[in-house]
Amino acid sequence: MFKLIYRNLLLYYKSISNVFFSFLGMLISLVIYIFFLKNNLVDSLNNVPNAAKMVDTWMVAGLISIVAITSPLSAFAQKVEDKDSKGLYDILINSRFSLYKVNILYIFTAIIEGMISTIIFSGICYAYLISQYKYELTVDNLIIIILYIVCLVLFASSLFSIITLFINSTSFSSLSAIVGTLAGFLSGSYIVIGSLPKTVQNILKYWPGFEIAGLLRNRLMPLSNNVPSTVSKSLGVVKDNQSLISIFMLIFAFFIIENIFIKLKKVL
């Protein structure tokens, strides 16, 4: 079992280009925010105390949620390649595992890669906050933030595991581009949620990426009593952890749905 996970991880990290462009995409998002988006957001909150620090932590929370969604997808490139090259059948014969068990191993690979990438990127973002504001993060907040990241990586891995059942190598790159764009919008990072129509705001609240980003903002942002609740709500800050229960129920449902699809198709 662990040999297949090790093999998938080895193939991913052995490709220097895969790792480089994966982290390059993350860093580009951070650089674009710092040099092109930050000033406009700070100016729009010029009456709010610690506006620059609040905006920086707001964006960092959003970027972390984007990476937690997009990074597991890159791990499934190997699954799609194995399926197209018929290497999957060699794995099934040699391992004597069922299709469902093999697919679970691909999910574990995606979870590991997603956690590694997201934690490294979070460390880079934290270093930026320290350099700008001598930002301090308590141990309790750090543990809770990691738990939020785990939750989102689990969700993304289970979701993309289903989607990649139905695509090939040709369409995988298109999927990656679409997911990268949508993840930023749906997390409320590229556009402040308060500026969107009410209907769109209500739809976004059902997307786990937005919920986790909001919970991260609540942990990272220096919200004082002087900040009106309307401002924090407009920035997409979420304080209710009950949404996590729904996310875990959704993850469980994905595993059941995927098992049904695999049994119906008899192929990954």
Foldseek 3Di string as FASTA:
>chain_A
DVVLLVVLLCVQVVPVVNVVVLVVVLVVLVVCCVPPPQVVQLVVPVVDPPSSQLLLLLLLLLSLLLLLQQQLLSSCLVVQVCQVVVVVVVCCVVVVDAPLVSLVSSLVSSLVRSLVSSVVSSVVSVVVSCVVPVDDADPVLVVVLSVLSSLSNLLNSLVSSQVSVPDHNVCSVVVSVVSSVVSSVLLCNVDQQLVDDPVVSVVSVLDSSVQSSQCSSVRRGPDDPVDDPVVSVSNSHDDDPPVSVVSVVVSVVSSVVSVVVCVVVVGD
